[in-house]
Amino acid sequence: MKSVATRKAELETRRSVLMSRIEEIGEELDAHDSKDWEELAVERESDEVLEDLGISAQNELRMIEAAMHRIEEGEYGYCVKCGSKIAEERLNVVPATPFCRTCAQSR
């Protein structure tokens, strides 16, 4: 069983990775200055993929921030909906999850 301190360190590491990724995506999106229509079309398609990746990273970052808040409040590892303890196996897969398996399935 991992300690809350270990989980917090893992979440902080993941947060750093996501923040770097978001920054890189922003830089990539700002770097396009193609004048050729064909290149511009390819860049636009790439931009859509990058934007989706950025949105996904931002969503995960929000989940991590919420988990960090629950750690500070002493509520980490407990379902925010029903209050049950979240299974260790679930936290291993989704460390920032706010829900136990039952409540996550009912959503």
PDB file of N, CA and C in Angstrom:
ATOM      1  N   MET A   1       0.841  -1.178   0.000  1.00  0.00           N
ATOM      2  CA  MET A   1       0.000   0.000   0.000  1.00  0.00           C
ATOM      3  C   MET A   1       0.892   1.250   0.000  1.00  0.00           C
ATOM      4  N   LYS A   2       0.645   2.146  -0.958  1.00  0.00           N
ATOM      5  CA  LYS A   2       1.432   3.369  -1.055  1.00  0.00           C
ATOM      6  C   LYS A   2       0.940   4.393  -0.037  1.00  0.00           C
ATOM      7  N   SER A   3       1.867   5.134   0.499  1.00  0.00           N
ATOM      8  CA  SER A   3       1.496   6.179   1.450  1.00  0.00           C
ATOM      9  C   SER A   3       0.957   7.397   0.693  1.00  0.00           C
ATOM     10  N   VAL A   4       0.276   8.252   1.408  1.00  0.00           N
ATOM     11  CA  VAL A   4      -0.257   9.483   0.814  1.00  0.00           C
ATOM     12  C   VAL A   4       0.900  10.353   0.319  1.00  0.00           C
ATOM     13  N   ALA A   5       2.022  10.354   1.056  1.00  0.00           N
ATOM     14  CA  ALA A   5       3.190  11.138   0.639  1.00  0.00           C
ATOM     15  C   ALA A   5       3.727  10.639  -0.700  1.00  0.00           C
ATOM     16  N   THR A   6       3.736   9.328  -0.884  1.00  0.00           N
ATOM     17  CA  THR A   6       4.188   8.757  -2.155  1.00  0.00           C
ATOM     18  C   THR A   6       3.229   9.136  -3.274  1.00  0.00           C
ATOM     19  N   ARG A   7       1.933   9.027  -3.000  1.00  0.00           N
ATOM     20  CA  ARG A   7       0.921   9.421  -4.003  1.00  0.00           C
ATOM     21  C   ARG A   7       1.075  10.902  -4.354  1.00  0.00           C
ATOM     22  N   LYS A   8       1.304  11.725  -3.349  1.00  0.00           N
ATOM     23  CA  LYS A   8       1.465  13.164  -3.585  1.00  0.00           C
ATOM     24  C   LYS A   8       2.668  13.421  -4.480  1.00  0.00           C
ATOM     25  N   ALA A   9       3.774  12.747  -4.214  1.00  0.00           N
ATOM     26  CA  ALA A   9       4.979  12.906  -5.045  1.00  0.00           C
ATOM     27  C   ALA A   9       4.705  12.472  -6.483  1.00  0.00           C
ATOM     28  N   GLU A  10       3.985  11.378  -6.652  1.00  0.00           N
ATOM     29  CA  GLU A  10       3.642  10.909  -7.998  1.00  0.00           C
ATOM     30  C   GLU A  10       2.753  11.918  -8.721  1.00  0.00           C
ATOM     31  N   LEU A  11       1.788  12.476  -8.008  1.00  0.00           N
ATOM     32  CA  LEU A  11       0.903  13.475  -8.602  1.00  0.00           C
ATOM     33  C   LEU A  11       1.675  14.741  -8.965  1.00  0.00           C
ATOM     34  N   GLU A  12       2.604  15.150  -8.115  1.00  0.00           N
ATOM     35  CA  GLU A  12       3.416  16.338  -8.414  1.00  0.00           C
ATOM     36  C   GLU A  12       4.281  16.113  -9.647  1.00  0.00           C
ATOM     37  N   THR A  13       4.844  14.917  -9.779  1.00  0.00           N
ATOM     38  CA  THR A  13       5.649  14.587 -10.958  1.00  0.00           C
ATOM     39  C   THR A  13       4.785  14.632 -12.210  1.00  0.00           C
ATOM     40  N   ARG A  14       3.616  14.031 -12.138  1.00  0.00           N
ATOM     41  CA  ARG A  14       2.713  14.023 -13.294  1.00  0.00           C
ATOM     42  C   ARG A  14       2.271  15.437 -13.634  1.00  0.00           C
ATOM     43  N   ARG A  15       2.029  16.261 -12.624  1.00  0.00           N
ATOM     44  CA  ARG A  15       1.644  17.660 -12.854  1.00  0.00           C
ATOM     45  C   ARG A  15       2.743  18.393 -13.610  1.00  0.00           C
ATOM     46  N   SER A  16       3.993  18.178 -13.240  1.00  0.00           N
ATOM     47  CA  SER A  16       5.119  18.813 -13.931  1.00  0.00           C
ATOM     48  C   SER A  16       5.191  18.379 -15.388  1.00  0.00           C
ATOM     49  N   VAL A  17       4.995  17.092 -15.621  1.00  0.00           N
ATOM     50  CA  VAL A  17       5.011  16.567 -16.989  1.00  0.00           C
ATOM     51  C   VAL A  17       3.903  17.209 -17.812  1.00  0.00           C
ATOM     52  N   LEU A  18       2.713  17.293 -17.249  1.00  0.00           N
ATOM     53  CA  LEU A  18       1.580  17.876 -17.971  1.00  0.00           C
ATOM     54  C   LEU A  18       1.794  19.357 -18.249  1.00  0.00           C
ATOM     55  N   MET A  19       2.322  20.083 -17.294  1.00  0.00           N
ATOM     56  CA  MET A  19       2.562  21.514 -17.501  1.00  0.00           C
ATOM     57  C   MET A  19       3.590  21.733 -18.611  1.00  0.00           C
ATOM     58  N   SER A  20       4.618  20.903 -18.648  1.00  0.00           N
ATOM     59  CA  SER A  20       5.612  20.991 -19.719  1.00  0.00           C
ATOM     60  C   SER A  20       4.970  20.666 -21.063  1.00  0.00           C
ATOM     61  N   ARG A  21       4.131  19.636 -21.066  1.00  0.00           N
ATOM     62  CA  ARG A  21       3.459  19.252 -22.308  1.00  0.00           C
ATOM     63  C   ARG A  21       2.561  20.376 -22.813  1.00  0.00           C
ATOM     64  N   ILE A  22       1.809  20.989 -21.925  1.00  0.00           N
ATOM     65  CA  ILE A  22       0.923  22.082 -22.314  1.00  0.00           C
ATOM     66  C   ILE A  22       1.737  23.249 -22.874  1.00  0.00           C
ATOM     67  N   GLU A  23       2.855  23.543 -22.235  1.00  0.00           N
ATOM     68  CA  GLU A  23       3.724  24.617 -22.725  1.00  0.00           C
ATOM     69  C   GLU A  23       4.267  24.292 -24.116  1.00  0.00           C
ATOM     70  N   GLU A  24       4.708  23.053 -24.323  1.00  0.00           N
ATOM     71  CA  GLU A  24       5.230  22.644 -25.631  1.00  0.00           C
ATOM     72  C   GLU A  24       4.151  22.718 -26.704  1.00  0.00           C
ATOM     73  N   ILE A  25       2.938  22.320 -26.367  1.00  0.00           N
ATOM     74  CA  ILE A  25       1.836  22.383 -27.321  1.00  0.00           C
ATOM     75  C   ILE A  25       1.562  23.832 -27.700  1.00  0.00           C
ATOM     76  N   GLY A  26       1.542  24.711 -26.719  1.00  0.00           N
ATOM     77  CA  GLY A  26       1.330  26.129 -26.999  1.00  0.00           C
ATOM     78  C   GLY A  26       2.405  26.707 -27.907  1.00  0.00           C
ATOM     79  N   GLU A  27       3.652  26.348 -27.643  1.00  0.00           N
ATOM     80  CA  GLU A  27       4.752  26.822 -28.479  1.00  0.00           C
ATOM     81  C   GLU A  27       4.619  26.291 -29.902  1.00  0.00           C
ATOM     82  N   GLU A  28       4.243  25.035 -30.027  1.00  0.00           N
ATOM     83  CA  GLU A  28       4.067  24.437 -31.358  1.00  0.00           C
ATOM     84  C   GLU A  28       2.934  25.116 -32.109  1.00  0.00           C
ATOM     85  N   LEU A  29       1.842  25.388 -31.431  1.00  0.00           N
ATOM     86  CA  LEU A  29       0.714  26.060 -32.074  1.00  0.00           C
ATOM     87  C   LEU A  29       1.079  27.476 -32.512  1.00  0.00           C
ATOM     88  N   ASP A  30       1.911  28.149 -31.734  1.00  0.00           N
ATOM     89  CA  ASP A  30       2.324  29.513 -32.068  1.00  0.00           C
ATOM     90  C   ASP A  30       3.387  29.561 -33.154  1.00  0.00           C
ATOM     91  N   ALA A  31       4.048  28.456 -33.428  1.00  0.00           N
ATOM     92  CA  ALA A  31       5.188  28.437 -34.343  1.00  0.00           C
ATOM     93  C   ALA A  31       4.794  28.365 -35.818  1.00  0.00           C
ATOM     94  N   HIS A  32       3.553  28.118 -36.117  1.00  0.00           N
ATOM     95  CA  HIS A  32       3.154  27.963 -37.522  1.00  0.00           C
ATOM     96  C   HIS A  32       3.081  29.301 -38.231  1.00  0.00           C
ATOM     97  N   ASP A  33       3.789  29.380 -39.339  1.00  0.00           N
ATOM     98  CA  ASP A  33       3.714  30.590 -40.164  1.00  0.00           C
ATOM     99  C   ASP A  33       3.879  30.241 -41.637  1.00  0.00           C
ATOM    100  N   SER A  34       3.308  29.114 -42.025  1.00  0.00           N
ATOM    101  CA  SER A  34       3.418  28.645 -43.392  1.00  0.00           C
ATOM    102  C   SER A  34       2.618  29.535 -44.329  1.00  0.00           C
ATOM    103  N   LYS A  35       3.169  29.778 -45.510  1.00  0.00           N
ATOM    104  CA  LYS A  35       2.490  30.590 -46.517  1.00  0.00           C
ATOM    105  C   LYS A  35       1.847  29.719 -47.588  1.00  0.00           C
ATOM    106  N   ASP A  36       2.304  28.495 -47.723  1.00  0.00           N
ATOM    107  CA  ASP A  36       1.810  27.569 -48.728  1.00  0.00           C
ATOM    108  C   ASP A  36       0.479  26.978 -48.276  1.00  0.00           C
ATOM    109  N   TRP A  37      -0.527  26.959 -49.144  1.00  0.00           N
ATOM    110  CA  TRP A  37      -1.867  26.483 -48.777  1.00  0.00           C
ATOM    111  C   TRP A  37      -1.872  25.018 -48.370  1.00  0.00           C
ATOM    112  N   GLU A  38      -1.106  24.194 -49.080  1.00  0.00           N
ATOM    113  CA  GLU A  38      -1.058  22.773 -48.736  1.00  0.00           C
ATOM    114  C   GLU A  38      -0.423  22.569 -47.365  1.00  0.00           C
ATOM    115  N   GLU A  39       0.677  23.270 -47.130  1.00  0.00           N
ATOM    116  CA  GLU A  39       1.335  23.169 -45.821  1.00  0.00           C
ATOM    117  C   GLU A  39       0.427  23.706 -44.722  1.00  0.00           C
ATOM    118  N   LEU A  40      -0.277  24.774 -45.032  1.00  0.00           N
ATOM    119  CA  LEU A  40      -1.193  25.369 -44.059  1.00  0.00           C
ATOM    120  C   LEU A  40      -2.313  24.390 -43.689  1.00  0.00           C
ATOM    121  N   ALA A  41      -2.830  23.662 -44.691  1.00  0.00           N
ATOM    122  CA  ALA A  41      -3.882  22.682 -44.432  1.00  0.00           C
ATOM    123  C   ALA A  41      -3.370  21.562 -43.529  1.00  0.00           C
ATOM    124  N   VAL A  42      -2.154  21.087 -43.784  1.00  0.00           N
ATOM    125  CA  VAL A  42      -1.557  20.043 -42.951  1.00  0.00           C
ATOM    126  C   VAL A  42      -1.332  20.570 -41.535  1.00  0.00           C
ATOM    127  N   GLU A  43      -0.869  21.818 -41.435  1.00  0.00           N
ATOM    128  CA  GLU A  43      -0.655  22.418 -40.115  1.00  0.00           C
ATOM    129  C   GLU A  43      -1.967  22.532 -39.346  1.00  0.00           C
ATOM    130  N   ARG A  44      -3.036  22.887 -40.037  1.00  0.00           N
ATOM    131  CA  ARG A  44      -4.346  23.008 -39.378  1.00  0.00           C
ATOM    132  C   ARG A  44      -4.794  21.667 -38.812  1.00  0.00           C
ATOM    133  N   GLU A  45      -4.591  20.592 -39.579  1.00  0.00           N
ATOM    134  CA  GLU A  45      -4.946  19.264 -39.090  1.00  0.00           C
ATOM    135  C   GLU A  45      -4.104  18.912 -37.860  1.00  0.00           C
ATOM    136  N   SER A  46      -2.824  19.222 -37.925  1.00  0.00           N
ATOM    137  CA  SER A  46      -1.940  18.964 -36.786  1.00  0.00           C
ATOM    138  C   SER A  46      -2.358  19.804 -35.583  1.00  0.00           C
ATOM    139  N   ASP A  47      -2.776  21.034 -35.841  1.00  0.00           N
ATOM    140  CA  ASP A  47      -3.224  21.909 -34.765  1.00  0.00           C
ATOM    141  C   ASP A  47      -4.420  21.326 -34.030  1.00  0.00           C
ATOM    142  N   GLU A  48      -5.356  20.713 -34.774  1.00  0.00           N
ATOM    143  CA  GLU A  48      -6.521  20.111 -34.135  1.00  0.00           C
ATOM    144  C   GLU A  48      -6.108  18.979 -33.197  1.00  0.00           C
ATOM    145  N   VAL A  49      -5.160  18.173 -33.641  1.00  0.00           N
ATOM    146  CA  VAL A  49      -4.660  17.079 -32.801  1.00  0.00           C
ATOM    147  C   VAL A  49      -3.969  17.659 -31.570  1.00  0.00           C
ATOM    148  N   LEU A  50      -3.132  18.673 -31.772  1.00  0.00           N
ATOM    149  CA  LEU A  50      -2.437  19.298 -30.650  1.00  0.00           C
ATOM    150  C   LEU A  50      -3.418  19.923 -29.667  1.00  0.00           C
ATOM    151  N   GLU A  51      -4.444  20.570 -30.180  1.00  0.00           N
ATOM    152  CA  GLU A  51      -5.439  21.183 -29.307  1.00  0.00           C
ATOM    153  C   GLU A  51      -6.157  20.122 -28.474  1.00  0.00           C
ATOM    154  N   ASP A  52      -6.503  18.995 -29.096  1.00  0.00           N
ATOM    155  CA  ASP A  52      -7.139  17.901 -28.350  1.00  0.00           C
ATOM    156  C   ASP A  52      -6.211  17.373 -27.257  1.00  0.00           C
ATOM    157  N   LEU A  53      -4.926  17.219 -27.589  1.00  0.00           N
ATOM    158  CA  LEU A  53      -3.959  16.776 -26.582  1.00  0.00           C
ATOM    159  C   LEU A  53      -3.854  17.789 -25.448  1.00  0.00           C
ATOM    160  N   GLY A  54      -3.871  19.060 -25.799  1.00  0.00           N
ATOM    161  CA  GLY A  54      -3.802  20.112 -24.789  1.00  0.00           C
ATOM    162  C   GLY A  54      -5.011  20.113 -23.875  1.00  0.00           C
ATOM    163  N   ILE A  55      -6.182  19.918 -24.455  1.00  0.00           N
ATOM    164  CA  ILE A  55      -7.413  19.870 -23.659  1.00  0.00           C
ATOM    165  C   ILE A  55      -7.385  18.672 -22.721  1.00  0.00           C
ATOM    166  N   SER A  56      -6.936  17.545 -23.232  1.00  0.00           N
ATOM    167  CA  SER A  56      -6.827  16.341 -22.405  1.00  0.00           C
ATOM    168  C   SER A  56      -5.856  16.566 -21.245  1.00  0.00           C
ATOM    169  N   ALA A  57      -4.724  17.189 -21.540  1.00  0.00           N
ATOM    170  CA  ALA A  57      -3.731  17.474 -20.498  1.00  0.00           C
ATOM    171  C   ALA A  57      -4.297  18.441 -19.466  1.00  0.00           C
ATOM    172  N   GLN A  58      -5.035  19.448 -19.913  1.00  0.00           N
ATOM    173  CA  GLN A  58      -5.631  20.408 -18.985  1.00  0.00           C
ATOM    174  C   GLN A  58      -6.669  19.743 -18.083  1.00  0.00           C
ATOM    175  N   ASN A  59      -7.455  18.828 -18.651  1.00  0.00           N
ATOM    176  CA  ASN A  59      -8.444  18.104 -17.840  1.00  0.00           C
ATOM    177  C   ASN A  59      -7.760  17.251 -16.780  1.00  0.00           C
ATOM    178  N   GLU A  60      -6.694  16.549 -17.186  1.00  0.00           N
ATOM    179  CA  GLU A  60      -5.972  15.734 -16.217  1.00  0.00           C
ATOM    180  C   GLU A  60      -5.317  16.606 -15.150  1.00  0.00           C
ATOM    181  N   LEU A  61      -4.815  17.761 -15.558  1.00  0.00           N
ATOM    182  CA  LEU A  61      -4.202  18.689 -14.614  1.00  0.00           C
ATOM    183  C   LEU A  61      -5.218  19.169 -13.584  1.00  0.00           C
ATOM    184  N   ARG A  62      -6.441  19.437 -14.008  1.00  0.00           N
ATOM    185  CA  ARG A  62      -7.497  19.841 -13.062  1.00  0.00           C
ATOM    186  C   ARG A  62      -7.789  18.718 -12.068  1.00  0.00           C
ATOM    187  N   MET A  63      -7.805  17.479 -12.562  1.00  0.00           N
ATOM    188  CA  MET A  63      -8.042  16.342 -11.664  1.00  0.00           C
ATOM    189  C   MET A  63      -6.914  16.221 -10.642  1.00  0.00           C
ATOM    190  N   ILE A  64      -5.691  16.451 -11.090  1.00  0.00           N
ATOM    191  CA  ILE A  64      -4.543  16.374 -10.179  1.00  0.00           C
ATOM    192  C   ILE A  64      -4.618  17.485  -9.144  1.00  0.00           C
ATOM    193  N   GLU A  65      -4.943  18.690  -9.570  1.00  0.00           N
ATOM    194  CA  GLU A  65      -5.067  19.809  -8.627  1.00  0.00           C
ATOM    195  C   GLU A  65      -6.135  19.512  -7.577  1.00  0.00           C
ATOM    196  N   ALA A  66      -7.253  18.924  -7.997  1.00  0.00           N
ATOM    197  CA  ALA A  66      -8.314  18.569  -7.054  1.00  0.00           C
ATOM    198  C   ALA A  66      -7.832  17.483  -6.090  1.00  0.00           C
ATOM    199  N   ALA A  67      -7.077  16.517  -6.614  1.00  0.00           N
ATOM    200  CA  ALA A  67      -6.530  15.454  -5.753  1.00  0.00           C
ATOM    201  C   ALA A  67      -5.544  16.037  -4.747  1.00  0.00           C
ATOM    202  N   MET A  68      -4.734  16.986  -5.184  1.00  0.00           N
ATOM    203  CA  MET A  68      -3.781  17.630  -4.272  1.00  0.00           C
ATOM    204  C   MET A  68      -4.533  18.376  -3.165  1.00  0.00           C
ATOM    205  N   HIS A  69      -5.627  18.991  -3.513  1.00  0.00           N
ATOM    206  CA  HIS A  69      -6.450  19.678  -2.509  1.00  0.00           C
ATOM    207  C   HIS A  69      -7.018  18.662  -1.511  1.00  0.00           C
ATOM    208  N   ARG A  70      -7.484  17.511  -2.026  1.00  0.00           N
ATOM    209  CA  ARG A  70      -8.003  16.477  -1.130  1.00  0.00           C
ATOM    210  C   ARG A  70      -6.907  15.953  -0.211  1.00  0.00           C
ATOM    211  N   ILE A  71      -5.684  15.865  -0.713  1.00  0.00           N
ATOM    212  CA  ILE A  71      -4.562  15.440   0.133  1.00  0.00           C
ATOM    213  C   ILE A  71      -4.374  16.440   1.267  1.00  0.00           C
ATOM    214  N   GLU A  72      -4.354  17.717   0.937  1.00  0.00           N
ATOM    215  CA  GLU A  72      -4.161  18.764   1.950  1.00  0.00           C
ATOM    216  C   GLU A  72      -5.290  18.751   2.985  1.00  0.00           C
ATOM    217  N   GLU A  73      -6.491  18.392   2.556  1.00  0.00           N
ATOM    218  CA  GLU A  73      -7.644  18.362   3.453  1.00  0.00           C
ATOM    219  C   GLU A  73      -7.756  17.041   4.222  1.00  0.00           C
ATOM    220  N   GLY A  74      -6.878  16.081   3.890  1.00  0.00           N
ATOM    221  CA  GLY A  74      -6.942  14.779   4.540  1.00  0.00           C
ATOM    222  C   GLY A  74      -8.056  13.896   4.013  1.00  0.00           C
ATOM    223  N   GLU A  75      -8.537  14.193   2.816  1.00  0.00           N
ATOM    224  CA  GLU A  75      -9.667  13.464   2.230  1.00  0.00           C
ATOM    225  C   GLU A  75      -9.260  12.600   1.045  1.00  0.00           C
ATOM    226  N   TYR A  76      -7.986  12.575   0.726  1.00  0.00           N
ATOM    227  CA  TYR A  76      -7.527  11.787  -0.421  1.00  0.00           C
ATOM    228  C   TYR A  76      -7.733  10.300  -0.154  1.00  0.00           C
ATOM    229  N   GLY A  77      -8.179   9.596  -1.196  1.00  0.00           N
ATOM    230  CA  GLY A  77      -8.384   8.159  -1.081  1.00  0.00           C
ATOM    231  C   GLY A  77      -9.796   7.788  -0.678  1.00  0.00           C
ATOM    232  N   TYR A  78     -10.641   8.806  -0.501  1.00  0.00           N
ATOM    233  CA  TYR A  78     -12.039   8.573  -0.170  1.00  0.00           C
ATOM    234  C   TYR A  78     -12.909   9.190  -1.256  1.00  0.00           C
ATOM    235  N   CYS A  79     -13.951   8.473  -1.632  1.00  0.00           N
ATOM    236  CA  CYS A  79     -14.867   8.916  -2.677  1.00  0.00           C
ATOM    237  C   CYS A  79     -15.553  10.219  -2.271  1.00  0.00           C
ATOM    238  N   VAL A  80     -15.542  11.196  -3.179  1.00  0.00           N
ATOM    239  CA  VAL A  80     -16.174  12.480  -2.879  1.00  0.00           C
ATOM    240  C   VAL A  80     -17.696  12.393  -2.928  1.00  0.00           C
ATOM    241  N   LYS A  81     -18.205  11.329  -3.528  1.00  0.00           N
ATOM    242  CA  LYS A  81     -19.662  11.185  -3.631  1.00  0.00           C
ATOM    243  C   LYS A  81     -20.246  10.423  -2.446  1.00  0.00           C
ATOM    244  N   CYS A  82     -19.687   9.247  -2.149  1.00  0.00           N
ATOM    245  CA  CYS A  82     -20.287   8.411  -1.096  1.00  0.00           C
ATOM    246  C   CYS A  82     -19.430   8.319   0.168  1.00  0.00           C
ATOM    247  N   GLY A  83     -18.178   8.762   0.094  1.00  0.00           N
ATOM    248  CA  GLY A  83     -17.306   8.738   1.259  1.00  0.00           C
ATOM    249  C   GLY A  83     -16.588   7.425   1.501  1.00  0.00           C
ATOM    250  N   SER A  84     -16.844   6.423   0.665  1.00  0.00           N
ATOM    251  CA  SER A  84     -16.175   5.124   0.818  1.00  0.00           C
ATOM    252  C   SER A  84     -14.697   5.237   0.463  1.00  0.00           C
ATOM    253  N   LYS A  85     -13.909   4.335   1.030  1.00  0.00           N
ATOM    254  CA  LYS A  85     -12.493   4.287   0.715  1.00  0.00           C
ATOM    255  C   LYS A  85     -12.339   3.796  -0.729  1.00  0.00           C
ATOM    256  N   ILE A  86     -11.489   4.481  -1.493  1.00  0.00           N
ATOM    257  CA  ILE A  86     -11.223   4.085  -2.874  1.00  0.00           C
ATOM    258  C   ILE A  86     -10.191   2.964  -2.846  1.00  0.00           C
ATOM    259  N   ALA A  87     -10.456   1.911  -3.597  1.00  0.00           N
ATOM    260  CA  ALA A  87      -9.578   0.741  -3.616  1.00  0.00           C
ATOM    261  C   ALA A  87      -8.172   1.120  -4.082  1.00  0.00           C
ATOM    262  N   GLU A  88      -7.188   0.529  -3.440  1.00  0.00           N
ATOM    263  CA  GLU A  88      -5.785   0.760  -3.773  1.00  0.00           C
ATOM    264  C   GLU A  88      -5.522   0.483  -5.252  1.00  0.00           C
ATOM    265  N   GLU A  89      -6.121  -0.559  -5.777  1.00  0.00           N
ATOM    266  CA  GLU A  89      -5.932  -0.912  -7.183  1.00  0.00           C
ATOM    267  C   GLU A  89      -6.416   0.208  -8.096  1.00  0.00           C
ATOM    268  N   ARG A  90      -7.532   0.825  -7.751  1.00  0.00           N
ATOM    269  CA  ARG A  90      -8.068   1.931  -8.548  1.00  0.00           C
ATOM    270  C   ARG A  90      -7.137   3.134  -8.480  1.00  0.00           C
ATOM    271  N   LEU A  91      -6.632   3.444  -7.294  1.00  0.00           N
ATOM    272  CA  LEU A  91      -5.703   4.567  -7.149  1.00  0.00           C
ATOM    273  C   LEU A  91      -4.393   4.302  -7.895  1.00  0.00           C
ATOM    274  N   ASN A  92      -3.996   3.047  -8.010  1.00  0.00           N
ATOM    275  CA  ASN A  92      -2.791   2.719  -8.770  1.00  0.00           C
ATOM    276  C   ASN A  92      -2.972   3.046 -10.250  1.00  0.00           C
ATOM    277  N   VAL A  93      -4.196   2.839 -10.753  1.00  0.00           N
ATOM    278  CA  VAL A  93      -4.477   3.079 -12.168  1.00  0.00           C
ATOM    279  C   VAL A  93      -4.798   4.553 -12.422  1.00  0.00           C
ATOM    280  N   VAL A  94      -5.614   5.140 -11.551  1.00  0.00           N
ATOM    281  CA  VAL A  94      -6.046   6.533 -11.710  1.00  0.00           C
ATOM    282  C   VAL A  94      -5.810   7.253 -10.388  1.00  0.00           C
ATOM    283  N   PRO A  95      -4.573   7.677 -10.120  1.00  0.00           N
ATOM    284  CA  PRO A  95      -4.257   8.246  -8.805  1.00  0.00           C
ATOM    285  C   PRO A  95      -5.032   9.511  -8.445  1.00  0.00           C
ATOM    286  N   ALA A  96      -5.534  10.235  -9.432  1.00  0.00           N
ATOM    287  CA  ALA A  96      -6.257  11.479  -9.141  1.00  0.00           C
ATOM    288  C   ALA A  96      -7.768  11.276  -9.078  1.00  0.00           C
ATOM    289  N   THR A  97      -8.218  10.032  -9.144  1.00  0.00           N
ATOM    290  CA  THR A  97      -9.665   9.794  -9.174  1.00  0.00           C
ATOM    291  C   THR A  97     -10.348  10.287  -7.903  1.00  0.00           C
ATOM    292  N   PRO A  98     -11.489  10.953  -8.063  1.00  0.00           N
ATOM    293  CA  PRO A  98     -12.235  11.384  -6.886  1.00  0.00           C
ATOM    294  C   PRO A  98     -13.319  10.382  -6.487  1.00  0.00           C
ATOM    295  N   PHE A  99     -13.504   9.312  -7.292  1.00  0.00           N
ATOM    296  CA  PHE A  99     -14.619   8.400  -7.085  1.00  0.00           C
ATOM    297  C   PHE A  99     -14.171   6.962  -6.864  1.00  0.00           C
ATOM    298  N   CYS A 100     -14.942   6.264  -6.050  1.00  0.00           N
ATOM    299  CA  CYS A 100     -14.765   4.819  -5.923  1.00  0.00           C
ATOM    300  C   CYS A 100     -15.305   4.190  -7.215  1.00  0.00           C
ATOM    301  N   ARG A 101     -15.052   2.918  -7.381  1.00  0.00           N
ATOM    302  CA  ARG A 101     -15.475   2.223  -8.599  1.00  0.00           C
ATOM    303  C   ARG A 101     -16.983   2.308  -8.795  1.00  0.00           C
ATOM    304  N   THR A 102     -17.752   2.087  -7.730  1.00  0.00           N
ATOM    305  CA  THR A 102     -19.218   2.082  -7.825  1.00  0.00           C
ATOM    306  C   THR A 102     -19.747   3.437  -8.274  1.00  0.00           C
ATOM    307  N   CYS A 103     -19.259   4.501  -7.660  1.00  0.00           N
ATOM    308  CA  CYS A 103     -19.745   5.847  -8.014  1.00  0.00           C
ATOM    309  C   CYS A 103     -19.253   6.258  -9.403  1.00  0.00           C
ATOM    310  N   ALA A 104     -18.073   5.829  -9.784  1.00  0.00           N
ATOM    311  CA  ALA A 104     -17.572   6.145 -11.123  1.00  0.00           C
ATOM    312  C   ALA A 104     -18.424   5.463 -12.186  1.00  0.00           C
ATOM    313  N   GLN A 105     -18.854   4.241 -11.923  1.00  0.00           N
ATOM    314  CA  GLN A 105     -19.693   3.514 -12.880  1.00  0.00           C
ATOM    315  C   GLN A 105     -21.082   4.120 -12.971  1.00  0.00           C
ATOM    316  N   SER A 106     -21.578   4.676 -11.896  1.00  0.00           N
ATOM    317  CA  SER A 106     -22.917   5.253 -11.905  1.00  0.00           C
ATOM    318  C   SER A 106     -22.954   6.620 -12.582  1.00  0.00           C
ATOM    319  N   ARG A 107     -21.787   7.203 -12.797  1.00  0.00           N
ATOM    320  CA  ARG A 107     -21.725   8.497 -13.469  1.00  0.00           C
ATOM    321  C   ARG A 107     -21.910   8.277 -14.913  1.00  0.00           C
TER     322      ARG A 107
END
